C-alpha atoms as a PDB file:
ATOM      1  CA  MET A   1      21.140  -2.992 -33.955  1.00  0.00           C
ATOM      2  CA  ILE A   2      22.291  -3.019 -30.148  1.00  0.00           C
ATOM      3  CA  ASP A   3      23.063   0.870 -28.982  1.00  0.00           C
ATOM      4  CA  ILE A   4      26.149   0.243 -27.036  1.00  0.00           C
ATOM      5  CA  SER A   5      26.080   3.704 -26.084  1.00  0.00           C
ATOM      6  CA  LYS A   6      22.614   3.433 -24.328  1.00  0.00           C
ATOM      7  CA  LEU A   7      23.449   0.437 -22.659  1.00  0.00           C
ATOM      8  CA  LEU A   8      26.733   1.767 -21.049  1.00  0.00           C
ATOM      9  CA  THR A   9      25.199   5.141 -19.920  1.00  0.00           C
ATOM     10  CA  ASP A  10      21.955   2.667 -18.190  1.00  0.00           C
ATOM     11  CA  TYR A  11      24.647   0.712 -16.635  1.00  0.00           C
ATOM     12  CA  PHE A  12      26.531   3.159 -15.175  1.00  0.00           C
ATOM     13  CA  ALA A  13      23.449   5.122 -14.378  1.00  0.00           C
ATOM     14  CA  VAL A  14      21.941   2.158 -12.192  1.00  0.00           C
ATOM     15  CA  LYS A  15      25.264   1.132 -10.827  1.00  0.00           C
ATOM     16  CA  GLN A  16      25.369   4.608  -9.410  1.00  0.00           C
ATOM     17  CA  GLN A  17      21.819   4.782  -8.063  1.00  0.00           C
ATOM     18  CA  VAL A  18      22.884   1.206  -6.049  1.00  0.00           C
ATOM     19  CA  HIS A  19      25.910   3.285  -4.687  1.00  0.00           C
ATOM     20  CA  ASP A  20      23.866   6.095  -3.885  1.00  0.00           C
ATOM     21  CA  ALA A  21      21.111   3.992  -2.149  1.00  0.00           C
ATOM     22  CA  PHE A  22      23.836   2.893   0.554  1.00  0.00           C
ATOM     23  CA  GLY A  23      25.642   6.249   0.506  1.00  0.00           C
ATOM     24  CA  TYR A  24      28.769   4.410  -0.886  1.00  0.00           C
ATOM     25  CA  VAL A  25      31.086   6.710  -2.887  1.00  0.00           C
ATOM     26  CA  ALA A  26      33.412   5.099  -4.907  1.00  0.00           C
ATOM     27  CA  ASP A  27      37.241   6.560  -4.527  1.00  0.00           C
ATOM     28  CA  TRP A  28      40.512   5.237  -6.133  1.00  0.00           C
ATOM     29  CA  VAL A  29      39.541   1.779  -7.114  1.00  0.00           C
ATOM     30  CA  GLU A  30      36.445   1.035  -8.672  1.00  0.00           C
ATOM     31  CA  ILE A  31      34.915  -2.205  -6.695  1.00  0.00           C
ATOM     32  CA  PRO A  32      32.328  -4.139  -9.049  1.00  0.00           C
ATOM     33  CA  LEU A  33      29.057  -4.988  -7.192  1.00  0.00           C
ATOM     34  CA  ASP A  34      28.162  -8.500  -6.504  1.00  0.00           C
ATOM     35  CA  ASP A  35      24.320  -9.582  -5.806  1.00  0.00           C
ATOM     36  CA  MET A  36      24.442 -12.036  -2.838  1.00  0.00           C
ATOM     37  CA  THR A  37      20.811 -11.496  -2.277  1.00  0.00           C
ATOM     38  CA  ASP A  38      19.851 -14.955  -2.673  1.00  0.00           C
ATOM     39  CA  VAL A  39      22.132 -16.412   0.173  1.00  0.00           C
ATOM     40  CA  TYR A  40      21.956 -16.471   3.942  1.00  0.00           C
ATOM     41  CA  TRP A  41      24.682 -14.664   5.771  1.00  0.00           C
ATOM     42  CA  TRP A  42      26.314 -13.534   8.872  1.00  0.00           C
ATOM     43  CA  PHE A  43      29.445 -11.909  10.266  1.00  0.00           C
ATOM     44  CA  GLY A  44      32.170 -13.168  12.120  1.00  0.00           C
ATOM     45  CA  LEU A  45      35.664 -12.369  13.243  1.00  0.00           C
ATOM     46  CA  GLY A  46      36.243  -9.947  10.404  1.00  0.00           C
ATOM     47  CA  GLU A  47      34.726 -12.048   7.918  1.00  0.00           C
ATOM     48  CA  ILE A  48      31.407 -12.415   6.299  1.00  0.00           C
ATOM     49  CA  TYR A  49      30.158 -15.825   5.958  1.00  0.00           C
ATOM     50  CA  ARG A  50      27.468 -17.245   3.121  1.00  0.00           C
ATOM     51  CA  CYS A  51      25.495 -20.271   2.378  1.00  0.00           C
ATOM     52  CA  ASP A  52      22.759 -21.338  -0.070  1.00  0.00           C
ATOM     53  CA  VAL A  53      20.520 -23.265   2.295  1.00  0.00           C
ATOM     54  CA  GLN A  54      19.502 -21.673   6.096  1.00  0.00           C
ATOM     55  CA  PRO A  55      22.196 -22.598   8.256  1.00  0.00           C
ATOM     56  CA  ALA A  56      22.005 -24.886  11.585  1.00  0.00           C
ATOM     57  CA  GLN A  57      22.322 -22.591  14.455  1.00  0.00           C
ATOM     58  CA  GLU A  58      25.572 -24.426  15.666  1.00  0.00           C
ATOM     59  CA  THR A  59      27.000 -23.458  12.387  1.00  0.00           C
ATOM     60  CA  VAL A  60      26.481 -19.749  12.985  1.00  0.00           C
ATOM     61  CA  ASP A  61      27.648 -20.038  16.120  1.00  0.00           C
ATOM     62  CA  SER A  62      31.077 -21.888  14.955  1.00  0.00           C
ATOM     63  CA  ASN A  63      31.558 -18.986  12.070  1.00  0.00           C
ATOM     64  CA  ASP A  64      31.897 -21.719   9.765  1.00  0.00           C
ATOM     65  CA  GLY A  65      29.992 -21.012   6.311  1.00  0.00           C
ATOM     66  CA  GLU A  66      30.029 -22.820   3.359  1.00  0.00           C
ATOM     67  CA  TYR A  67      31.768 -19.720   1.930  1.00  0.00           C
ATOM     68  CA  SER A  68      33.258 -16.722   3.813  1.00  0.00           C
ATOM     69  CA  ALA A  69      35.225 -13.595   2.435  1.00  0.00           C
ATOM     70  CA  GLU A  70      37.363 -11.178   4.681  1.00  0.00           C
ATOM     71  CA  ILE A  71      35.912  -7.675   5.020  1.00  0.00           C
ATOM     72  CA  TYR A  72      37.898  -5.356   2.560  1.00  0.00           C
ATOM     73  CA  THR A  73      39.227  -2.701   4.841  1.00  0.00           C
ATOM     74  CA  GLN A  74      41.182  -0.516   2.364  1.00  0.00           C
ATOM     75  CA  ARG A  75      42.439   2.591   3.011  1.00  0.00           C
ATOM     76  CA  PHE A  76      40.524   4.638   0.569  1.00  0.00           C
ATOM     77  CA  LEU A  77      37.310   3.830   1.795  1.00  0.00           C
ATOM     78  CA  PRO A  78      35.685   5.409   4.870  1.00  0.00           C
ATOM     79  CA  ARG A  79      33.937   2.550   6.053  1.00  0.00           C
ATOM     80  CA  TRP A  80      33.397  -0.915   4.717  1.00  0.00           C
ATOM     81  CA  VAL A  81      29.987  -1.968   5.743  1.00  0.00           C
ATOM     82  CA  TYR A  82      26.973   0.164   4.638  1.00  0.00           C
ATOM     83  CA  SER A  83      23.446  -0.953   5.904  1.00  0.00           C
ATOM     84  CA  VAL A  84      19.932   0.214   4.937  1.00  0.00           C
ATOM     85  CA  GLU A  85      16.649  -1.270   6.012  1.00  0.00           C
ATOM     86  CA  THR A  86      16.280  -3.708   3.393  1.00  0.00           C
ATOM     87  CA  HIS A  87      19.900  -4.672   2.272  1.00  0.00           C
ATOM     88  CA  THR A  88      23.440  -4.221   3.564  1.00  0.00           C
ATOM     89  CA  LEU A  89      26.599  -3.997   1.194  1.00  0.00           C
ATOM     90  CA  VAL A  90      29.799  -5.184   2.498  1.00  0.00           C
ATOM     91  CA  SER A  91      33.041  -4.767   0.803  1.00  0.00           C
ATOM     92  CA  ILE A  92      34.776  -8.039   0.553  1.00  0.00           C
ATOM     93  CA  ASP A  93      38.362  -9.461  -0.410  1.00  0.00           C
ATOM     94  CA  THR A  94      37.844 -13.200  -1.564  1.00  0.00           C
ATOM     95  CA  HIS A  95      41.679 -13.961  -1.262  1.00  0.00           C
ATOM     96  CA  CYS A  96      41.149 -15.672  -4.789  1.00  0.00           C
ATOM     97  CA  ASP A  97      42.767 -14.292  -8.048  1.00  0.00           C
ATOM     98  CA  GLY A  98      42.654 -10.547  -6.534  1.00  0.00           C
ATOM     99  CA  ASN A  99      38.897 -10.654  -6.352  1.00  0.00           C
ATOM    100  CA  LYS A 100      37.227  -7.921  -4.313  1.00  0.00           C
ATOM    101  CA  PHE A 101      33.717  -6.951  -4.717  1.00  0.00           C
ATOM    102  CA  LEU A 102      31.011  -4.664  -3.221  1.00  0.00           C
ATOM    103  CA  ALA A 103      28.499  -7.479  -2.125  1.00  0.00           C
ATOM    104  CA  VAL A 104      24.959  -6.708  -1.651  1.00  0.00           C
ATOM    105  CA  PHE A 105      23.052  -8.903   0.899  1.00  0.00           C
ATOM    106  CA  ASP A 106      19.440  -9.066   1.498  1.00  0.00           C
ATOM    107  CA  ASN A 107      18.653  -8.376   5.397  1.00  0.00           C
ATOM    108  CA  SER A 108      15.777 -10.994   5.362  1.00  0.00           C
ATOM    109  CA  LYS A 109      18.529 -13.668   4.967  1.00  0.00           C
ATOM    110  CA  TYR A 110      20.735 -12.364   7.967  1.00  0.00           C
ATOM    111  CA  VAL A 111      21.101 -15.058  10.262  1.00  0.00           C
ATOM    112  CA  GLY A 112      23.549 -13.773  12.730  1.00  0.00           C
ATOM    113  CA  LEU A 113      23.163 -14.395  16.548  1.00  0.00           C
ATOM    114  CA  GLU A 114      22.708 -10.494  17.043  1.00  0.00           C
ATOM    115  CA  PRO A 115      20.560  -8.313  15.717  1.00  0.00           C
ATOM    116  CA  LEU A 116      22.225  -6.976  12.729  1.00  0.00           C
ATOM    117  CA  ALA A 117      21.981  -3.128  13.543  1.00  0.00           C
ATOM    118  CA  GLU A 118      23.879  -3.666  16.522  1.00  0.00           C
ATOM    119  CA  VAL A 119      26.574  -5.679  14.707  1.00  0.00           C
ATOM    120  CA  VAL A 120      26.721  -2.796  12.041  1.00  0.00           C
ATOM    121  CA  ALA A 121      26.967  -0.195  14.521  1.00  0.00           C
ATOM    122  CA  ARG A 122      29.965  -1.762  16.187  1.00  0.00           C
ATOM    123  CA  MET A 123      31.844  -2.166  12.818  1.00  0.00           C
ATOM    124  CA  PRO A 124      34.802  -0.373  12.840  1.00  0.00           C
ATOM    125  CA  THR A 125      35.462   2.836  10.264  1.00  0.00           C
ATOM    126  CA  ASN A 126      38.443   4.023   8.605  1.00  0.00           C
ATOM    127  CA  PRO A 127      40.389   6.039  11.029  1.00  0.00           C
ATOM    128  CA  ILE A 128      41.938   8.176   8.100  1.00  0.00           C
ATOM    129  CA  PHE A 129      38.414   9.844   7.684  1.00  0.00           C
ATOM    130  CA  ASN A 130      37.456   9.942  11.226  1.00  0.00           C
ATOM    131  CA  LYS A 131      40.240  12.818  11.946  1.00  0.00           C
ATOM    132  CA  GLU A 132      38.681  16.037  13.124  1.00  0.00           C
END
């Protein structure tokens, strides 16, 4: 017999570990995780672009990936991009069926034209949380 209680306990514990690794704190809305660690990716114009194969340089320049999603800038989140040494978590809105995700990307597959750390450092944060 499958122990559903243990599965749920383990599931929520692992999800919390992922959130903690990025410094993400869930608030108001529970946004599901989405594993995007197998795609190449880059930022552009308030969106994140991704594709399954390494794109040609001119594709990255044009901000024209196979798929894109808007960075989800909801008011209850203090920021929308969380980056650590090996991975980046981005709050995204697919504009498809109301789907929003916390997409986790592998930094070794980042193919943007500028260094990732510089791009992340320029990412806006929620001004509601920046009041002093």
